[in-house]
N, C-alpha and C. Protein backbone atom coordinates (compact mmCIF):
# COMPACT_ATOMS: atom_id res chain seq x y z
N MET A 1 -146.88 68.12 -73.34
CA MET A 1 -146.70 68.18 -72.07
C MET A 1 -148.06 67.40 -71.37
N PRO A 2 -147.56 66.45 -70.46
CA PRO A 2 -148.69 65.56 -69.96
C PRO A 2 -149.42 66.34 -68.83
N VAL A 3 -150.66 66.30 -68.94
CA VAL A 3 -151.61 67.28 -67.88
C VAL A 3 -152.45 66.28 -67.12
N ARG A 4 -152.69 65.14 -67.34
CA ARG A 4 -153.30 64.13 -66.78
C ARG A 4 -153.59 64.34 -65.24
N LEU A 5 -152.20 64.13 -64.59
CA LEU A 5 -152.15 64.25 -62.99
C LEU A 5 -152.46 65.50 -62.49
N LEU A 6 -151.99 66.60 -63.19
CA LEU A 6 -152.45 68.00 -62.91
C LEU A 6 -153.90 68.29 -62.92
N SER A 7 -154.51 67.69 -63.85
CA SER A 7 -156.00 68.01 -63.95
C SER A 7 -156.82 67.41 -62.92
N LYS A 8 -156.15 66.26 -62.41
CA LYS A 8 -156.68 65.25 -61.16
C LYS A 8 -156.73 66.20 -60.08
N TYR A 9 -155.69 66.97 -59.90
CA TYR A 9 -155.44 67.51 -58.71
C TYR A 9 -156.16 68.94 -58.67
N ARG A 10 -156.70 69.74 -59.76
CA ARG A 10 -157.21 70.85 -59.85
C ARG A 10 -158.45 70.90 -58.96
N SER A 11 -159.24 69.94 -58.74
CA SER A 11 -160.41 70.01 -57.93
C SER A 11 -159.92 70.11 -56.46
N ILE A 12 -158.75 69.05 -56.05
CA ILE A 12 -158.23 69.23 -54.93
C ILE A 12 -157.62 70.61 -54.40
N VAL A 13 -157.06 71.16 -55.24
CA VAL A 13 -156.52 72.57 -55.00
C VAL A 13 -157.50 73.55 -54.95
N HIS A 14 -158.68 73.59 -55.62
CA HIS A 14 -159.52 74.43 -55.56
C HIS A 14 -160.43 74.31 -54.11
N ALA A 15 -160.63 73.04 -53.71
CA ALA A 15 -161.29 72.85 -52.55
C ALA A 15 -160.49 73.27 -51.27
N ALA A 16 -159.03 73.10 -51.45
CA ALA A 16 -158.29 73.20 -50.25
C ALA A 16 -158.15 74.62 -50.25
N MET A 17 -158.06 75.47 -51.17
CA MET A 17 -158.01 76.96 -51.01
C MET A 17 -159.19 77.57 -50.50
N ILE A 18 -160.27 77.10 -50.85
CA ILE A 18 -161.42 77.63 -50.25
C ILE A 18 -161.68 77.28 -48.86
N ALA A 19 -161.14 76.16 -48.42
CA ALA A 19 -161.34 75.82 -47.05
C ALA A 19 -160.29 76.13 -46.15
N ALA A 20 -158.96 76.10 -46.62
CA ALA A 20 -157.95 76.66 -45.73
C ALA A 20 -156.97 77.57 -46.31
N LEU A 21 -157.33 78.42 -47.14
CA LEU A 21 -156.45 79.41 -47.54
C LEU A 21 -157.03 80.83 -47.28
N PRO A 22 -156.92 81.20 -46.09
CA PRO A 22 -157.51 82.59 -45.73
C PRO A 22 -156.07 83.65 -46.14
N PHE A 23 -155.71 83.74 -47.38
CA PHE A 23 -154.53 84.56 -47.69
C PHE A 23 -154.65 85.38 -48.71
N LEU A 24 -153.83 86.32 -48.77
CA LEU A 24 -153.79 87.09 -50.02
C LEU A 24 -152.49 87.79 -49.98
N ALA A 25 -152.20 88.79 -50.89
CA ALA A 25 -151.08 89.42 -51.02
C ALA A 25 -151.05 90.96 -51.32
N GLY A 26 -149.91 91.55 -51.07
CA GLY A 26 -150.13 93.07 -51.34
C GLY A 26 -148.56 93.40 -51.93
N CYS A 27 -148.38 94.54 -52.53
CA CYS A 27 -147.24 95.05 -53.02
C CYS A 27 -146.56 96.07 -52.33
N SER A 28 -147.26 97.23 -51.93
CA SER A 28 -146.57 98.48 -51.39
C SER A 28 -146.47 98.61 -50.03
N ASP A 29 -147.24 97.88 -49.23
CA ASP A 29 -147.59 98.02 -47.99
C ASP A 29 -147.05 97.23 -46.92
N GLY A 30 -145.80 96.75 -47.28
CA GLY A 30 -145.02 95.89 -46.41
C GLY A 30 -145.22 94.43 -46.51
N VAL A 31 -146.15 93.98 -47.48
CA VAL A 31 -146.33 92.55 -47.58
C VAL A 31 -145.23 91.97 -48.51
N SER A 32 -144.58 91.21 -47.91
CA SER A 32 -143.46 90.60 -48.55
C SER A 32 -142.90 89.42 -47.63
N GLY A 33 -142.14 88.60 -48.34
CA GLY A 33 -141.56 87.54 -47.65
C GLY A 33 -142.57 86.35 -47.55
N THR A 34 -142.14 85.58 -46.50
CA THR A 34 -143.14 84.38 -46.43
C THR A 34 -144.03 84.31 -45.09
N TYR A 35 -144.98 84.04 -45.20
CA TYR A 35 -145.95 83.95 -43.95
C TYR A 35 -146.43 82.35 -43.87
N GLU A 36 -146.46 82.11 -42.52
CA GLU A 36 -146.71 80.71 -42.14
C GLU A 36 -148.02 80.64 -41.48
N GLY A 37 -148.64 79.33 -41.62
CA GLY A 37 -149.75 79.24 -40.83
C GLY A 37 -149.48 78.10 -39.86
N LYS A 38 -150.28 77.75 -38.95
CA LYS A 38 -150.24 76.89 -37.88
C LYS A 38 -150.14 75.43 -38.45
N SER A 39 -150.73 75.32 -39.67
CA SER A 39 -150.78 73.94 -40.28
C SER A 39 -149.52 73.74 -40.96
N GLY A 40 -148.53 74.59 -41.14
CA GLY A 40 -147.39 74.26 -42.03
C GLY A 40 -147.62 74.88 -43.39
N ASP A 41 -148.79 75.38 -43.75
CA ASP A 41 -148.83 75.97 -45.09
C ASP A 41 -148.12 77.31 -45.16
N THR A 42 -147.85 77.59 -46.25
CA THR A 42 -146.94 79.04 -46.49
C THR A 42 -147.53 79.73 -47.60
N ILE A 43 -147.31 81.07 -47.49
CA ILE A 43 -147.87 82.04 -48.49
C ILE A 43 -146.53 82.90 -48.65
N GLU A 44 -145.78 82.88 -49.91
CA GLU A 44 -144.62 83.43 -50.16
C GLU A 44 -144.76 84.62 -51.24
N PHE A 45 -144.44 85.93 -50.83
CA PHE A 45 -144.49 87.05 -51.90
C PHE A 45 -143.06 87.25 -52.38
N ASP A 46 -142.97 87.12 -53.61
CA ASP A 46 -141.70 87.18 -54.20
C ASP A 46 -141.79 88.14 -55.70
N GLY A 47 -141.45 89.25 -55.46
CA GLY A 47 -141.57 90.35 -56.49
C GLY A 47 -143.11 90.49 -56.72
N GLY A 48 -143.66 90.39 -57.92
CA GLY A 48 -145.00 90.81 -58.16
C GLY A 48 -145.87 89.44 -58.19
N LYS A 49 -145.26 88.31 -57.54
CA LYS A 49 -146.07 87.19 -57.57
C LYS A 49 -146.19 86.67 -56.18
N VAL A 50 -147.16 85.73 -56.09
CA VAL A 50 -147.44 85.01 -54.67
C VAL A 50 -147.41 83.47 -55.03
N TYR A 51 -146.78 82.80 -54.04
CA TYR A 51 -146.53 81.40 -54.00
C TYR A 51 -147.22 80.66 -52.84
N VAL A 52 -148.17 79.86 -53.05
CA VAL A 52 -149.02 78.96 -52.02
C VAL A 52 -148.60 77.59 -51.96
N SER A 53 -148.34 77.13 -50.81
CA SER A 53 -147.91 75.91 -50.46
C SER A 53 -148.65 75.21 -49.56
N MET A 54 -149.35 74.21 -49.94
CA MET A 54 -150.39 73.41 -49.12
C MET A 54 -150.16 71.99 -49.37
N SER A 55 -149.93 71.09 -48.24
CA SER A 55 -149.87 69.74 -48.58
C SER A 55 -151.44 69.25 -48.78
N PRO A 56 -151.66 68.26 -49.63
CA PRO A 56 -150.67 67.50 -50.60
C PRO A 56 -150.63 68.24 -51.92
N ALA A 57 -151.19 69.46 -52.20
CA ALA A 57 -151.47 70.02 -53.50
C ALA A 57 -149.80 70.60 -53.72
N PRO A 58 -149.50 70.74 -54.97
CA PRO A 58 -148.33 71.32 -55.33
C PRO A 58 -148.26 72.95 -55.05
N THR A 59 -147.00 73.56 -55.09
CA THR A 59 -146.93 74.92 -54.94
C THR A 59 -147.59 75.52 -56.06
N LEU A 60 -148.25 76.58 -55.88
CA LEU A 60 -149.01 77.26 -57.04
C LEU A 60 -148.74 78.72 -56.83
N ALA A 61 -148.46 79.20 -58.34
CA ALA A 61 -148.04 80.72 -58.29
C ALA A 61 -149.36 81.51 -58.69
N GLY A 62 -149.53 82.62 -58.14
CA GLY A 62 -150.49 83.69 -58.58
C GLY A 62 -150.30 85.02 -58.69
N GLU A 63 -151.03 85.81 -58.72
CA GLU A 63 -150.98 87.37 -58.62
C GLU A 63 -151.67 87.91 -57.50
N TYR A 64 -151.49 89.14 -57.11
CA TYR A 64 -151.93 89.84 -55.92
C TYR A 64 -152.03 91.17 -56.00
N GLU A 65 -152.80 91.80 -55.07
CA GLU A 65 -152.96 93.31 -55.13
C GLU A 65 -153.53 93.66 -53.91
N MET A 66 -153.46 94.91 -53.49
CA MET A 66 -153.69 95.47 -52.11
C MET A 66 -154.84 96.46 -52.45
N ASP A 67 -155.84 96.54 -51.40
CA ASP A 67 -156.73 97.51 -51.49
C ASP A 67 -156.91 98.04 -49.79
N GLY A 68 -156.01 99.03 -49.55
CA GLY A 68 -156.05 99.39 -48.14
C GLY A 68 -155.26 98.29 -47.39
N ASP A 69 -156.06 97.82 -46.16
CA ASP A 69 -155.39 96.78 -45.46
C ASP A 69 -155.74 95.41 -45.92
N LYS A 70 -156.63 95.29 -47.08
CA LYS A 70 -157.05 94.12 -47.67
C LYS A 70 -155.97 93.48 -48.83
N VAL A 71 -155.78 92.34 -48.71
CA VAL A 71 -154.82 91.63 -49.77
C VAL A 71 -155.74 90.81 -50.44
N ILE A 72 -155.55 90.76 -51.80
CA ILE A 72 -156.46 89.99 -52.67
C ILE A 72 -155.60 89.29 -53.50
N LEU A 73 -155.67 87.90 -53.30
CA LEU A 73 -154.79 86.97 -53.93
C LEU A 73 -155.78 86.19 -55.00
N LYS A 74 -155.12 86.00 -56.15
CA LYS A 74 -155.87 85.31 -57.40
C LYS A 74 -154.77 84.14 -57.88
N VAL A 75 -155.39 82.95 -57.61
CA VAL A 75 -154.35 81.84 -57.85
C VAL A 75 -155.49 80.55 -58.19
N ALA A 76 -155.05 79.86 -59.04
CA ALA A 76 -155.84 78.70 -59.61
C ALA A 76 -157.36 78.91 -59.86
N GLY A 77 -157.55 80.30 -60.20
CA GLY A 77 -158.90 80.68 -60.58
C GLY A 77 -159.81 81.09 -59.60
N GLN A 78 -159.21 81.16 -58.22
CA GLN A 78 -159.88 81.53 -57.12
C GLN A 78 -159.30 83.04 -56.64
N SER A 79 -160.17 83.85 -56.09
CA SER A 79 -159.91 85.02 -55.41
C SER A 79 -160.29 85.04 -54.00
N LEU A 80 -159.06 85.40 -53.30
CA LEU A 80 -159.45 85.35 -51.61
C LEU A 80 -158.88 86.62 -51.17
N VAL A 81 -159.57 86.87 -50.10
CA VAL A 81 -159.15 88.27 -49.60
C VAL A 81 -158.78 88.16 -48.13
N LEU A 82 -157.59 88.61 -47.68
CA LEU A 82 -157.04 88.62 -46.27
C LEU A 82 -156.84 90.01 -45.64
N THR A 83 -156.69 90.19 -44.47
CA THR A 83 -156.55 91.54 -43.90
C THR A 83 -155.00 91.49 -43.24
N HIS A 84 -154.46 92.46 -43.77
CA HIS A 84 -153.06 92.46 -43.31
C HIS A 84 -152.90 93.54 -42.14
N ARG A 85 -152.24 92.97 -41.04
CA ARG A 85 -152.07 93.60 -39.75
C ARG A 85 -150.79 93.32 -39.37
N GLY A 86 -149.80 94.27 -39.62
CA GLY A 86 -148.40 94.42 -39.18
C GLY A 86 -147.76 93.15 -39.89
N ASP A 87 -147.24 92.17 -38.92
CA ASP A 87 -146.65 91.06 -39.61
C ASP A 87 -147.58 89.95 -39.94
N THR A 88 -148.92 89.91 -39.95
CA THR A 88 -149.87 88.89 -39.97
C THR A 88 -150.81 89.16 -41.34
N LEU A 89 -151.41 88.03 -41.56
CA LEU A 89 -152.51 88.11 -42.72
C LEU A 89 -153.48 87.36 -41.90
N GLU A 90 -154.70 87.98 -41.58
CA GLU A 90 -155.67 87.44 -41.08
C GLU A 90 -157.04 87.28 -41.81
N GLY A 91 -157.87 86.33 -41.72
CA GLY A 91 -159.32 86.04 -42.22
C GLY A 91 -159.35 84.72 -42.76
N GLY A 92 -160.30 84.50 -43.80
CA GLY A 92 -160.60 83.40 -44.53
C GLY A 92 -161.65 82.60 -43.55
N PRO A 93 -162.03 81.51 -44.43
CA PRO A 93 -163.27 80.72 -43.62
C PRO A 93 -162.95 80.42 -42.30
N PHE A 94 -161.88 79.97 -41.81
CA PHE A 94 -161.67 79.43 -40.55
C PHE A 94 -160.78 80.48 -39.64
N GLY A 95 -160.68 81.86 -40.21
CA GLY A 95 -160.12 82.82 -39.39
C GLY A 95 -158.73 82.48 -39.26
N GLU A 96 -157.99 81.75 -39.72
CA GLU A 96 -156.60 81.40 -39.52
C GLU A 96 -155.71 82.64 -39.69
N THR A 97 -154.62 82.66 -39.12
CA THR A 97 -153.75 83.87 -39.05
C THR A 97 -152.37 83.39 -39.71
N TYR A 98 -151.87 83.80 -40.63
CA TYR A 98 -150.44 83.50 -41.07
C TYR A 98 -149.58 84.62 -40.59
N THR A 99 -148.39 84.24 -40.10
CA THR A 99 -147.41 85.03 -39.61
C THR A 99 -146.15 85.10 -40.49
N LYS A 100 -145.66 86.40 -40.45
CA LYS A 100 -144.44 86.41 -41.15
C LYS A 100 -143.15 85.71 -40.69
N ALA A 101 -142.46 84.99 -41.59
CA ALA A 101 -141.30 84.29 -40.93
C ALA A 101 -140.04 85.31 -40.94
N GLY A 102 -139.58 85.30 -39.75
CA GLY A 102 -138.47 86.42 -39.70
C GLY A 102 -138.72 87.70 -39.77
N LYS A 103 -137.82 88.53 -39.37
CA LYS A 103 -138.11 90.09 -39.38
C LYS A 103 -138.32 90.43 -40.90
N GLY A 104 -137.57 90.11 -41.64
CA GLY A 104 -137.39 90.29 -43.26
C GLY A 104 -138.01 89.38 -44.19
N GLY A 105 -138.80 88.34 -43.55
CA GLY A 105 -139.31 87.42 -44.51
C GLY A 105 -138.13 86.46 -44.80
N THR A 106 -138.35 85.47 -45.74
CA THR A 106 -137.58 84.47 -45.90
C THR A 106 -136.92 84.64 -47.25
N LYS A 107 -136.66 83.51 -47.99
CA LYS A 107 -135.76 83.50 -49.22
C LYS A 107 -136.28 84.52 -50.24
N ALA A 108 -135.29 85.06 -50.97
CA ALA A 108 -135.45 86.01 -52.03
C ALA A 108 -134.96 85.26 -53.41
N ALA A 109 -135.64 85.51 -54.23
CA ALA A 109 -135.49 84.66 -55.70
C ALA A 109 -134.15 85.00 -56.13
N GLY A 110 -133.48 83.98 -56.73
CA GLY A 110 -132.14 83.96 -57.39
C GLY A 110 -132.25 84.63 -58.69
N GLY A 111 -131.13 84.99 -59.19
CA GLY A 111 -131.32 85.52 -60.40
C GLY A 111 -131.21 84.46 -61.52
N PRO A 112 -131.42 85.01 -62.78
CA PRO A 112 -131.68 83.78 -63.74
C PRO A 112 -130.22 82.79 -63.99
N SER A 113 -130.64 81.93 -64.27
CA SER A 113 -129.25 81.00 -64.50
C SER A 113 -129.05 81.47 -66.25
N GLY A 114 -130.06 81.31 -66.87
CA GLY A 114 -130.12 81.76 -68.45
C GLY A 114 -129.53 80.73 -69.23
N SER A 115 -128.32 80.13 -69.26
CA SER A 115 -127.97 79.24 -70.16
C SER A 115 -126.66 78.31 -69.62
N GLY A 116 -126.26 77.39 -70.62
CA GLY A 116 -125.15 76.70 -70.21
C GLY A 116 -125.60 75.53 -69.32
N ASP A 117 -124.68 75.19 -68.41
CA ASP A 117 -124.88 73.88 -67.64
C ASP A 117 -125.75 74.20 -66.54
N ASP A 118 -125.87 75.75 -66.06
CA ASP A 118 -126.49 76.00 -64.98
C ASP A 118 -128.03 75.37 -65.06
N VAL A 119 -128.57 75.18 -66.17
CA VAL A 119 -129.96 74.88 -66.16
C VAL A 119 -130.19 73.35 -66.10
N LEU A 120 -129.01 72.56 -66.42
CA LEU A 120 -129.33 71.09 -66.50
C LEU A 120 -129.61 70.47 -65.16
N GLY A 121 -130.42 69.55 -65.01
CA GLY A 121 -130.88 68.87 -63.68
C GLY A 121 -132.18 68.52 -63.68
N LEU A 122 -132.63 67.85 -62.51
CA LEU A 122 -133.89 67.43 -62.43
C LEU A 122 -134.71 68.16 -61.44
N TYR A 123 -135.84 68.68 -62.14
CA TYR A 123 -136.80 69.50 -61.38
C TYR A 123 -138.13 69.02 -61.02
N VAL A 124 -138.40 69.00 -59.78
CA VAL A 124 -139.51 68.26 -59.29
C VAL A 124 -140.72 68.96 -58.62
N VAL A 125 -141.95 68.46 -58.72
CA VAL A 125 -143.11 69.20 -57.96
C VAL A 125 -143.78 67.84 -57.60
N ASN A 126 -143.95 67.96 -56.13
CA ASN A 126 -144.54 66.78 -55.38
C ASN A 126 -145.97 67.18 -55.08
N MET A 127 -146.88 66.19 -55.09
CA MET A 127 -148.20 66.27 -55.04
C MET A 127 -148.69 65.13 -53.98
N GLY A 128 -148.53 65.15 -52.78
CA GLY A 128 -148.78 64.11 -51.92
C GLY A 128 -147.78 62.86 -52.10
N ASP A 129 -148.34 61.74 -52.45
CA ASP A 129 -147.71 60.68 -52.82
C ASP A 129 -147.29 60.52 -54.37
N GLU A 130 -147.77 61.58 -55.24
CA GLU A 130 -147.31 61.45 -56.52
C GLU A 130 -146.69 62.82 -56.85
N SER A 131 -145.83 62.69 -57.88
CA SER A 131 -145.04 63.79 -58.46
C SER A 131 -145.05 63.92 -59.92
N MET A 132 -144.39 65.05 -60.37
CA MET A 132 -144.16 65.25 -61.87
C MET A 132 -142.73 65.88 -61.68
N SER A 133 -141.99 65.59 -62.85
CA SER A 133 -140.63 66.02 -62.87
C SER A 133 -140.18 66.57 -64.34
N ILE A 134 -139.40 67.13 -64.36
CA ILE A 134 -138.90 67.79 -65.63
C ILE A 134 -137.37 67.47 -65.56
N LYS A 135 -136.77 66.74 -66.40
CA LYS A 135 -135.24 66.37 -66.44
C LYS A 135 -134.67 67.12 -67.72
N LEU A 136 -133.69 68.18 -67.59
CA LEU A 136 -133.17 68.78 -68.48
C LEU A 136 -131.88 68.26 -68.72
N GLU A 137 -131.34 67.61 -69.85
CA GLU A 137 -130.21 66.98 -69.98
C GLU A 137 -129.58 67.62 -71.13
N SER A 138 -128.16 67.49 -71.31
CA SER A 138 -127.34 68.01 -72.40
C SER A 138 -127.86 67.85 -73.75
N GLU A 139 -127.40 68.68 -74.68
CA GLU A 139 -127.79 68.64 -76.06
C GLU A 139 -129.50 68.96 -76.26
N GLY A 140 -129.91 69.74 -75.39
CA GLY A 140 -131.28 70.28 -75.48
C GLY A 140 -132.40 69.08 -75.25
N ARG A 141 -131.93 68.09 -74.63
CA ARG A 141 -132.98 66.90 -74.47
C ARG A 141 -133.89 67.26 -72.95
N ALA A 142 -135.09 66.88 -73.14
CA ALA A 142 -136.06 67.22 -71.84
C ALA A 142 -136.66 65.85 -71.65
N VAL A 143 -136.81 65.52 -70.51
CA VAL A 143 -137.63 64.21 -70.16
C VAL A 143 -138.67 64.56 -69.23
N LEU A 144 -139.88 64.27 -69.27
CA LEU A 144 -141.15 64.82 -68.38
C LEU A 144 -141.70 63.38 -67.94
N THR A 145 -141.97 63.27 -66.71
CA THR A 145 -142.22 62.13 -65.95
C THR A 145 -143.31 62.46 -64.97
N ILE A 146 -144.44 61.71 -65.12
CA ILE A 146 -145.60 61.63 -64.26
C ILE A 146 -145.45 60.33 -63.26
N ASN A 147 -145.34 60.33 -62.17
CA ASN A 147 -145.33 59.30 -61.35
C ASN A 147 -146.54 59.21 -60.42
N GLU A 148 -147.43 58.20 -60.62
CA GLU A 148 -148.74 58.01 -59.84
C GLU A 148 -148.63 56.91 -59.00
N GLY A 149 -147.52 56.47 -58.74
CA GLY A 149 -147.48 55.48 -57.72
C GLY A 149 -147.32 53.96 -58.42
N GLY A 150 -147.56 54.07 -59.61
CA GLY A 150 -147.46 52.79 -60.48
C GLY A 150 -146.29 52.77 -61.45
N THR A 151 -146.40 52.46 -62.67
CA THR A 151 -145.56 52.75 -63.84
C THR A 151 -145.46 54.14 -64.14
N PRO A 152 -144.28 54.77 -64.04
CA PRO A 152 -144.19 56.15 -64.43
C PRO A 152 -144.50 56.47 -66.03
N ASP A 153 -145.08 57.64 -66.19
CA ASP A 153 -145.55 57.98 -67.49
C ASP A 153 -144.53 58.83 -67.97
N VAL A 154 -143.48 58.63 -69.17
CA VAL A 154 -142.39 59.33 -69.44
C VAL A 154 -142.66 59.84 -70.80
N THR A 155 -142.43 61.14 -70.92
CA THR A 155 -142.44 61.70 -72.30
C THR A 155 -141.16 62.26 -72.46
N ASN A 156 -140.54 62.19 -73.78
CA ASN A 156 -139.30 62.65 -74.15
C ASN A 156 -139.71 63.83 -75.04
N GLY A 157 -138.75 64.95 -75.02
CA GLY A 157 -138.98 66.31 -75.70
C GLY A 157 -137.68 66.76 -75.80
N GLN A 158 -137.85 68.21 -76.05
CA GLN A 158 -136.53 69.19 -76.24
C GLN A 158 -136.67 70.34 -75.39
N TYR A 159 -135.66 71.09 -75.18
CA TYR A 159 -135.91 72.35 -74.48
C TYR A 159 -134.77 73.31 -75.18
N ARG A 160 -135.29 74.67 -75.12
CA ARG A 160 -134.11 75.73 -75.49
C ARG A 160 -134.28 76.83 -74.34
N VAL A 161 -133.04 77.48 -74.16
CA VAL A 161 -133.08 78.49 -73.20
C VAL A 161 -132.84 79.92 -73.91
N SER A 162 -133.58 80.96 -73.52
CA SER A 162 -133.29 82.15 -74.01
C SER A 162 -133.46 83.25 -72.77
N GLY A 163 -132.40 83.65 -72.30
CA GLY A 163 -132.35 84.40 -70.98
C GLY A 163 -132.85 83.66 -69.89
N ASP A 164 -133.96 83.96 -69.00
CA ASP A 164 -134.33 83.19 -68.08
C ASP A 164 -135.62 82.25 -68.42
N THR A 165 -135.86 82.33 -69.56
CA THR A 165 -136.89 81.45 -70.25
C THR A 165 -136.48 79.91 -70.81
N VAL A 166 -137.06 79.10 -70.17
CA VAL A 166 -136.88 77.77 -70.74
C VAL A 166 -138.15 77.21 -71.39
N SER A 167 -137.89 77.01 -72.76
CA SER A 167 -139.12 76.49 -73.61
C SER A 167 -139.00 75.08 -73.83
N ILE A 168 -139.78 74.18 -73.31
CA ILE A 168 -139.81 72.86 -73.39
C ILE A 168 -141.01 72.46 -74.43
N THR A 169 -140.72 71.58 -75.45
CA THR A 169 -141.49 71.13 -76.45
C THR A 169 -141.72 69.67 -76.32
N ALA A 170 -142.91 68.94 -76.26
CA ALA A 170 -143.26 67.49 -76.08
C ALA A 170 -144.44 67.52 -76.69
N ASN A 171 -144.54 66.30 -77.28
CA ASN A 171 -145.84 65.82 -78.02
C ASN A 171 -146.44 67.00 -78.95
N GLY A 172 -145.50 67.79 -79.50
CA GLY A 172 -145.83 68.90 -80.42
C GLY A 172 -146.44 70.23 -79.78
N GLU A 173 -146.44 70.28 -78.31
CA GLU A 173 -146.71 71.19 -77.58
C GLU A 173 -145.51 71.83 -76.94
N THR A 174 -145.55 73.18 -76.99
CA THR A 174 -144.33 74.02 -76.12
C THR A 174 -145.00 74.86 -74.91
N ASN A 175 -144.17 74.80 -73.90
CA ASN A 175 -144.54 75.38 -72.70
C ASN A 175 -143.33 76.19 -72.41
N ASP A 176 -143.47 77.37 -71.83
CA ASP A 176 -142.52 78.33 -71.49
C ASP A 176 -142.38 78.32 -69.87
N PHE A 177 -141.20 78.21 -69.37
CA PHE A 177 -140.81 78.10 -67.85
C PHE A 177 -140.00 79.19 -67.60
N ARG A 178 -140.12 79.76 -66.48
CA ARG A 178 -139.27 80.93 -66.14
C ARG A 178 -138.31 80.28 -65.12
N LEU A 179 -136.94 80.37 -65.27
CA LEU A 179 -135.97 79.98 -64.35
C LEU A 179 -135.53 81.04 -63.36
N VAL A 180 -135.69 80.57 -62.24
CA VAL A 180 -135.52 81.67 -61.14
C VAL A 180 -134.77 80.91 -60.11
N GLY A 181 -133.29 81.07 -59.92
CA GLY A 181 -132.57 80.51 -59.10
C GLY A 181 -132.67 78.88 -59.31
N THR A 182 -132.90 78.11 -58.48
CA THR A 182 -133.08 76.67 -58.48
C THR A 182 -134.63 76.33 -58.81
N THR A 183 -135.43 77.10 -59.41
CA THR A 183 -136.72 76.66 -59.68
C THR A 183 -137.10 77.04 -61.02
N LEU A 184 -137.94 76.29 -61.61
CA LEU A 184 -138.61 76.32 -62.84
C LEU A 184 -140.06 76.80 -62.63
N GLU A 185 -140.73 77.83 -62.99
CA GLU A 185 -142.05 78.20 -62.96
C GLU A 185 -142.70 78.25 -64.18
N GLY A 186 -143.81 77.67 -64.28
CA GLY A 186 -144.51 77.60 -65.50
C GLY A 186 -145.83 76.96 -65.46
N GLY A 187 -146.69 77.33 -66.61
CA GLY A 187 -148.11 76.89 -66.59
C GLY A 187 -148.22 75.44 -67.15
N ILE A 188 -148.90 74.65 -66.68
CA ILE A 188 -149.25 73.39 -67.09
C ILE A 188 -150.84 73.08 -66.63
N GLY A 189 -151.72 72.63 -68.00
CA GLY A 189 -153.02 72.30 -67.53
C GLY A 189 -153.78 73.44 -66.69
N GLY A 190 -153.53 74.71 -66.99
CA GLY A 190 -154.19 75.89 -66.61
C GLY A 190 -153.69 76.41 -65.02
N MET A 191 -152.59 75.85 -64.61
CA MET A 191 -152.14 76.15 -63.34
C MET A 191 -150.69 76.60 -63.41
N THR A 192 -150.31 77.37 -62.67
CA THR A 192 -148.73 77.71 -62.75
C THR A 192 -148.19 76.97 -61.47
N LEU A 193 -147.19 76.23 -61.75
CA LEU A 193 -146.47 75.28 -60.78
C LEU A 193 -145.12 75.71 -60.70
N ARG A 194 -144.49 75.45 -59.47
CA ARG A 194 -142.99 75.87 -59.31
C ARG A 194 -142.31 74.32 -59.01
N PHE A 195 -141.45 74.02 -59.93
CA PHE A 195 -140.52 72.97 -59.96
C PHE A 195 -139.36 73.20 -59.28
N GLN A 196 -138.90 72.38 -58.27
CA GLN A 196 -137.79 72.75 -57.57
C GLN A 196 -136.52 71.72 -57.91
N LYS A 197 -135.54 72.46 -58.19
CA LYS A 197 -134.52 71.45 -58.75
C LYS A 197 -133.83 70.72 -57.53
N GLN A 198 -133.59 69.43 -57.80
CA GLN A 198 -132.89 68.54 -57.03
C GLN A 198 -131.48 68.50 -56.76
N SER A 199 -130.91 68.33 -55.68
CA SER A 199 -129.45 68.42 -55.79
C SER A 199 -128.88 66.98 -56.00
C-alpha cells in the first residue's frame, strides 16, 4: 500500500488539528450527528467513532469519550477537548464553536454492502490538489492510485470481502478496510482515512 503521499500530509493534519480543531466527541450525552464550524470544517459522530473533515486534509477517523460536559477526541495522534453545550461544541485554541447540523444531526451510516457487485467501484480521498484512490474491480482486482499533480503512481493488487471487511493486498502488504454504505474506512500510514465512493 503506497503511503508516501499520506506521510507528507501527516504534519499538515497535526498542525491543522492543533490550530483549528477545537472539537471532541461524546457518546451518551446527546453528542451525535454532524457539527459544523464557520470555516466549513465538520465533526461527524457516527456510532463509536468521530470523523473530522478539514480542507485541505483528508477526512480522518478517530475515537472519542465524554467526561461530564467535556468531549475528548483522539485522532491522528492528537487529543483535544471541547465543551458540550446543548447543540454546540465550544473551545479550542481560537474558541471556535461547532453547531449541530439539523435537529437530529445528519447522515447515518449505511449498512455493510458485504460482497458481490455492491463493493465494486472507485473510492477516493481528496487532499487539496492531490488525491488517493482505490478501485475495486471484478475478479478481486484492486488498483491503488496516488495523484500528486504529475504522473499518477499506480499499484495493482488484489482484494477479498468478508462481511463488511475489505482486505486489500498490494506490494506484499495487506490492509483491512471497513465498508460502510458508500465509504471505505481504513488505516494507511498510521492514519485512518475515509474513502468516498464515486458515482
